[in-house]
Amino acid sequence: MTTQPDPVHRLLDRLLRGVILPKEAEQLAELVRAQEAGHAGLMKATVDLINTIGRGRHTLATQVLGWAEPGEDYSLDQIVDHVVAENRADESTIRRLTAGQCTHTGTRPPRT
């Protein structure tokens, strides 16, 4: 069983060999236009995705993390570094409290 080549490749091969028929040339042109339209749609979707990621990153930096410089472009590395540092500080506090270094429990000891 043999597989048929992609119509674009088959028609391009005929074009390059100089044996393409006018009807085939029209078919090739239609296929190329369809691929161009698909490429344009893909490029638009890519730009939209990049913009959405940028807005999300900015929202994360300004609202969630409390960084107050509106319009500032924070790199993803800066945001991750900030979150990691905050997490480490929280973990350090939890370890210190768990180890009994905090003696204040919020209740008074019984009077004797």
N, C-alpha and C. Protein backbone atom coordinates (compact mmCIF):
# COMPACT_ATOMS: atom_id res chain seq x y z
N MET A 1 0.83 -1.17 0.00
CA MET A 1 0.00 0.00 0.00
C MET A 1 0.89 1.24 0.00
N THR A 2 0.68 2.12 -0.94
CA THR A 2 1.46 3.35 -1.01
C THR A 2 0.61 4.51 -0.53
N THR A 3 1.27 5.49 0.03
CA THR A 3 0.54 6.67 0.49
C THR A 3 0.67 7.77 -0.56
N GLN A 4 -0.37 8.53 -0.69
CA GLN A 4 -0.36 9.64 -1.64
C GLN A 4 0.34 10.84 -0.98
N PRO A 5 1.17 11.55 -1.76
CA PRO A 5 1.82 12.73 -1.20
C PRO A 5 0.78 13.82 -0.92
N ASP A 6 1.13 14.70 -0.03
CA ASP A 6 0.30 15.86 0.29
C ASP A 6 0.01 16.61 -1.01
N PRO A 7 -1.24 17.06 -1.22
CA PRO A 7 -1.57 17.75 -2.47
C PRO A 7 -0.67 18.96 -2.74
N VAL A 8 -0.32 19.69 -1.71
CA VAL A 8 0.55 20.86 -1.91
C VAL A 8 1.90 20.41 -2.45
N HIS A 9 2.46 19.38 -1.85
CA HIS A 9 3.77 18.91 -2.29
C HIS A 9 3.71 18.33 -3.71
N ARG A 10 2.65 17.62 -3.98
CA ARG A 10 2.50 17.04 -5.32
C ARG A 10 2.41 18.16 -6.37
N LEU A 11 1.60 19.18 -6.08
CA LEU A 11 1.44 20.28 -7.03
C LEU A 11 2.72 21.12 -7.14
N LEU A 12 3.40 21.32 -6.03
CA LEU A 12 4.67 22.04 -6.08
C LEU A 12 5.70 21.28 -6.92
N ASP A 13 5.72 19.97 -6.74
CA ASP A 13 6.62 19.15 -7.54
C ASP A 13 6.32 19.32 -9.03
N ARG A 14 5.06 19.29 -9.39
CA ARG A 14 4.68 19.48 -10.80
C ARG A 14 5.06 20.87 -11.28
N LEU A 15 4.90 21.88 -10.41
CA LEU A 15 5.26 23.25 -10.78
C LEU A 15 6.77 23.34 -11.03
N LEU A 16 7.55 22.80 -10.13
CA LEU A 16 9.01 22.86 -10.26
C LEU A 16 9.52 22.09 -11.49
N ARG A 17 8.82 21.03 -11.85
CA ARG A 17 9.21 20.27 -13.04
C ARG A 17 8.68 20.91 -14.33
N GLY A 18 7.84 21.95 -14.16
CA GLY A 18 7.32 22.66 -15.32
C GLY A 18 6.23 21.92 -16.07
N VAL A 19 5.53 21.02 -15.37
CA VAL A 19 4.49 20.23 -16.04
C VAL A 19 3.11 20.47 -15.42
N ILE A 20 2.97 21.54 -14.65
CA ILE A 20 1.70 21.80 -13.98
C ILE A 20 0.67 22.31 -15.00
N LEU A 21 -0.54 21.86 -14.88
CA LEU A 21 -1.64 22.29 -15.73
C LEU A 21 -2.30 23.52 -15.12
N PRO A 22 -2.97 24.34 -15.91
CA PRO A 22 -3.62 25.55 -15.37
C PRO A 22 -4.59 25.25 -14.23
N LYS A 23 -5.37 24.18 -14.35
CA LYS A 23 -6.31 23.82 -13.28
C LYS A 23 -5.54 23.46 -12.00
N GLU A 24 -4.42 22.76 -12.15
CA GLU A 24 -3.60 22.40 -10.99
C GLU A 24 -2.98 23.64 -10.37
N ALA A 25 -2.60 24.61 -11.20
CA ALA A 25 -2.03 25.85 -10.69
C ALA A 25 -3.06 26.59 -9.83
N GLU A 26 -4.32 26.58 -10.26
CA GLU A 26 -5.39 27.19 -9.47
C GLU A 26 -5.58 26.45 -8.16
N GLN A 27 -5.52 25.12 -8.20
CA GLN A 27 -5.64 24.32 -6.98
C GLN A 27 -4.51 24.65 -6.01
N LEU A 28 -3.30 24.75 -6.55
CA LEU A 28 -2.15 25.08 -5.72
C LEU A 28 -2.32 26.45 -5.08
N ALA A 29 -2.77 27.42 -5.86
CA ALA A 29 -2.98 28.77 -5.34
C ALA A 29 -4.01 28.75 -4.21
N GLU A 30 -5.10 28.01 -4.37
CA GLU A 30 -6.13 27.91 -3.34
C GLU A 30 -5.57 27.27 -2.07
N LEU A 31 -4.78 26.21 -2.23
CA LEU A 31 -4.18 25.54 -1.07
C LEU A 31 -3.22 26.47 -0.32
N VAL A 32 -2.44 27.23 -1.09
CA VAL A 32 -1.49 28.16 -0.46
C VAL A 32 -2.24 29.26 0.28
N ARG A 33 -3.31 29.80 -0.33
CA ARG A 33 -4.11 30.83 0.34
C ARG A 33 -4.73 30.29 1.64
N ALA A 34 -5.21 29.06 1.60
CA ALA A 34 -5.80 28.45 2.80
C ALA A 34 -4.75 28.30 3.89
N GLN A 35 -3.54 27.90 3.50
CA GLN A 35 -2.47 27.77 4.50
C GLN A 35 -2.07 29.13 5.05
N GLU A 36 -2.04 30.15 4.20
CA GLU A 36 -1.74 31.51 4.66
C GLU A 36 -2.78 31.98 5.67
N ALA A 37 -4.05 31.71 5.38
CA ALA A 37 -5.12 32.12 6.29
C ALA A 37 -4.98 31.39 7.63
N GLY A 38 -4.66 30.11 7.56
CA GLY A 38 -4.45 29.35 8.79
C GLY A 38 -3.27 29.87 9.58
N HIS A 39 -2.21 30.23 8.88
CA HIS A 39 -1.03 30.79 9.53
C HIS A 39 -1.36 32.12 10.19
N ALA A 40 -2.12 32.97 9.48
CA ALA A 40 -2.50 34.27 10.04
C ALA A 40 -3.35 34.08 11.30
N GLY A 41 -4.27 33.11 11.27
CA GLY A 41 -5.08 32.83 12.45
C GLY A 41 -4.25 32.33 13.61
N LEU A 42 -3.27 31.49 13.32
CA LEU A 42 -2.38 30.98 14.35
C LEU A 42 -1.54 32.10 14.95
N MET A 43 -1.05 32.99 14.11
CA MET A 43 -0.25 34.11 14.61
C MET A 43 -1.10 35.02 15.50
N LYS A 44 -2.33 35.29 15.10
CA LYS A 44 -3.22 36.13 15.92
C LYS A 44 -3.48 35.46 17.26
N ALA A 45 -3.75 34.16 17.24
CA ALA A 45 -3.99 33.43 18.49
C ALA A 45 -2.76 33.47 19.39
N THR A 46 -1.56 33.37 18.79
CA THR A 46 -0.32 33.42 19.56
C THR A 46 -0.16 34.79 20.21
N VAL A 47 -0.40 35.85 19.46
CA VAL A 47 -0.30 37.21 20.01
C VAL A 47 -1.31 37.40 21.14
N ASP A 48 -2.54 36.94 20.93
CA ASP A 48 -3.56 37.05 21.97
C ASP A 48 -3.14 36.31 23.24
N LEU A 49 -2.57 35.12 23.08
CA LEU A 49 -2.12 34.35 24.23
C LEU A 49 -0.99 35.07 24.97
N ILE A 50 -0.04 35.61 24.23
CA ILE A 50 1.07 36.33 24.86
C ILE A 50 0.53 37.54 25.63
N ASN A 51 -0.41 38.27 25.04
CA ASN A 51 -1.00 39.42 25.73
C ASN A 51 -1.76 39.00 26.98
N THR A 52 -2.48 37.89 26.90
CA THR A 52 -3.22 37.39 28.06
C THR A 52 -2.26 37.01 29.18
N ILE A 53 -1.17 36.35 28.83
CA ILE A 53 -0.17 35.97 29.83
C ILE A 53 0.43 37.23 30.46
N GLY A 54 0.71 38.24 29.66
CA GLY A 54 1.26 39.49 30.18
C GLY A 54 0.31 40.17 31.15
N ARG A 55 -0.98 40.20 30.78
CA ARG A 55 -1.97 40.81 31.69
C ARG A 55 -2.08 40.01 32.98
N GLY A 56 -2.05 38.69 32.87
CA GLY A 56 -2.12 37.85 34.07
C GLY A 56 -0.92 38.05 34.96
N ARG A 57 0.25 38.16 34.36
CA ARG A 57 1.47 38.38 35.14
C ARG A 57 1.40 39.72 35.85
N HIS A 58 0.92 40.75 35.14
CA HIS A 58 0.79 42.07 35.75
C HIS A 58 -0.23 42.05 36.89
N THR A 59 -1.35 41.36 36.68
CA THR A 59 -2.38 41.26 37.72
C THR A 59 -1.81 40.55 38.94
N LEU A 60 -1.08 39.47 38.72
CA LEU A 60 -0.46 38.74 39.82
C LEU A 60 0.48 39.65 40.61
N ALA A 61 1.30 40.39 39.89
CA ALA A 61 2.28 41.24 40.56
C ALA A 61 1.63 42.39 41.31
N THR A 62 0.62 43.01 40.72
CA THR A 62 0.06 44.21 41.35
C THR A 62 -1.02 43.91 42.38
N GLN A 63 -1.88 42.94 42.11
CA GLN A 63 -3.00 42.70 43.02
C GLN A 63 -2.69 41.62 44.05
N VAL A 64 -2.21 40.50 43.59
CA VAL A 64 -1.99 39.37 44.50
C VAL A 64 -0.78 39.61 45.38
N LEU A 65 0.32 40.06 44.79
CA LEU A 65 1.54 40.25 45.57
C LEU A 65 1.64 41.63 46.20
N GLY A 66 0.74 42.54 45.80
CA GLY A 66 0.73 43.87 46.40
C GLY A 66 1.81 44.79 45.88
N TRP A 67 2.40 44.50 44.76
CA TRP A 67 3.39 45.40 44.19
C TRP A 67 2.63 46.56 43.58
N ALA A 68 2.88 47.75 44.03
CA ALA A 68 1.98 48.87 43.76
C ALA A 68 2.34 49.72 42.54
N GLU A 69 3.30 49.33 41.75
CA GLU A 69 3.66 50.15 40.60
C GLU A 69 2.81 49.75 39.41
N PRO A 70 1.67 50.43 39.19
CA PRO A 70 0.85 50.06 38.04
C PRO A 70 1.59 50.34 36.74
N GLY A 71 1.41 49.45 35.80
CA GLY A 71 2.04 49.62 34.50
C GLY A 71 3.45 49.08 34.44
N GLU A 72 4.00 48.72 35.57
CA GLU A 72 5.36 48.17 35.59
C GLU A 72 5.33 46.75 35.03
N ASP A 73 6.27 46.43 34.19
CA ASP A 73 6.35 45.08 33.64
C ASP A 73 7.28 44.25 34.50
N TYR A 74 6.71 43.34 35.23
CA TYR A 74 7.50 42.46 36.07
C TYR A 74 7.82 41.20 35.29
N SER A 75 9.05 40.78 35.39
CA SER A 75 9.41 39.54 34.72
C SER A 75 8.87 38.38 35.54
N LEU A 76 8.65 37.28 34.87
CA LEU A 76 8.18 36.09 35.57
C LEU A 76 9.19 35.66 36.62
N ASP A 77 10.47 35.84 36.35
CA ASP A 77 11.50 35.50 37.33
C ASP A 77 11.36 36.33 38.61
N GLN A 78 11.06 37.64 38.45
CA GLN A 78 10.88 38.49 39.63
C GLN A 78 9.71 38.02 40.47
N ILE A 79 8.62 37.67 39.81
CA ILE A 79 7.43 37.22 40.53
C ILE A 79 7.72 35.91 41.25
N VAL A 80 8.34 34.97 40.55
CA VAL A 80 8.66 33.67 41.15
C VAL A 80 9.62 33.86 42.33
N ASP A 81 10.65 34.71 42.16
CA ASP A 81 11.59 34.96 43.26
C ASP A 81 10.87 35.52 44.48
N HIS A 82 9.93 36.43 44.26
CA HIS A 82 9.18 37.02 45.36
C HIS A 82 8.34 35.96 46.08
N VAL A 83 7.64 35.15 45.31
CA VAL A 83 6.79 34.11 45.89
C VAL A 83 7.64 33.09 46.65
N VAL A 84 8.78 32.71 46.10
CA VAL A 84 9.66 31.76 46.77
C VAL A 84 10.19 32.35 48.07
N ALA A 85 10.59 33.62 48.06
CA ALA A 85 11.10 34.26 49.27
C ALA A 85 10.02 34.33 50.35
N GLU A 86 8.79 34.69 49.95
CA GLU A 86 7.69 34.73 50.91
C GLU A 86 7.42 33.34 51.49
N ASN A 87 7.46 32.33 50.65
CA ASN A 87 7.22 30.97 51.10
C ASN A 87 8.31 30.53 52.08
N ARG A 88 9.54 30.86 51.78
CA ARG A 88 10.64 30.49 52.69
C ARG A 88 10.48 31.18 54.04
N ALA A 89 10.07 32.45 54.02
CA ALA A 89 9.87 33.17 55.28
C ALA A 89 8.75 32.52 56.08
N ASP A 90 7.67 32.14 55.39
CA ASP A 90 6.56 31.47 56.07
C ASP A 90 7.01 30.14 56.65
N GLU A 91 7.75 29.37 55.87
CA GLU A 91 8.23 28.07 56.36
C GLU A 91 9.15 28.23 57.56
N SER A 92 9.99 29.27 57.54
CA SER A 92 10.89 29.54 58.66
C SER A 92 10.10 29.87 59.92
N THR A 93 9.08 30.68 59.77
CA THR A 93 8.23 31.03 60.91
C THR A 93 7.52 29.80 61.45
N ILE A 94 7.01 28.97 60.58
CA ILE A 94 6.32 27.75 61.00
C ILE A 94 7.28 26.83 61.75
N ARG A 95 8.50 26.67 61.22
CA ARG A 95 9.49 25.80 61.90
C ARG A 95 9.83 26.35 63.28
N ARG A 96 9.99 27.68 63.37
CA ARG A 96 10.33 28.30 64.65
C ARG A 96 9.21 28.10 65.66
N LEU A 97 7.97 28.31 65.21
CA LEU A 97 6.84 28.15 66.12
C LEU A 97 6.64 26.70 66.51
N THR A 98 6.84 25.81 65.57
CA THR A 98 6.67 24.39 65.84
C THR A 98 7.73 23.88 66.80
N ALA A 99 8.90 24.45 66.74
CA ALA A 99 10.00 24.00 67.59
C ALA A 99 9.84 24.47 69.03
N GLY A 100 8.80 25.25 69.31
CA GLY A 100 8.56 25.67 70.69
C GLY A 100 9.27 26.95 71.05
N GLN A 101 9.78 27.67 70.09
CA GLN A 101 10.47 28.92 70.38
C GLN A 101 9.49 30.04 70.71
N CYS A 102 8.24 29.81 70.43
CA CYS A 102 7.22 30.80 70.76
C CYS A 102 6.50 30.30 72.00
N THR A 103 6.62 31.05 73.08
CA THR A 103 6.01 30.59 74.33
C THR A 103 4.65 31.19 74.56
N HIS A 104 4.27 32.18 73.80
CA HIS A 104 2.97 32.81 73.96
C HIS A 104 1.92 31.96 73.27
N THR A 105 0.96 31.48 74.05
CA THR A 105 -0.09 30.63 73.49
C THR A 105 -1.42 31.33 73.43
N GLY A 106 -1.50 32.52 74.00
CA GLY A 106 -2.76 33.24 73.97
C GLY A 106 -3.62 32.96 75.18
N THR A 107 -3.21 32.07 76.06
CA THR A 107 -3.96 31.81 77.29
C THR A 107 -3.04 32.01 78.48
N ARG A 108 -3.63 32.38 79.58
CA ARG A 108 -2.83 32.57 80.78
C ARG A 108 -2.65 31.25 81.52
N PRO A 109 -1.50 31.08 82.13
CA PRO A 109 -1.30 29.85 82.92
C PRO A 109 -2.19 29.92 84.17
N PRO A 110 -2.56 28.78 84.69
CA PRO A 110 -3.40 28.79 85.90
C PRO A 110 -2.66 29.40 87.08
N ARG A 111 -3.40 30.10 87.95
CA ARG A 111 -2.80 30.71 89.15
C ARG A 111 -2.65 29.65 90.22
N THR A 112 -1.57 29.73 90.93
CA THR A 112 -1.36 28.79 92.03
C THR A 112 -1.42 29.44 93.35
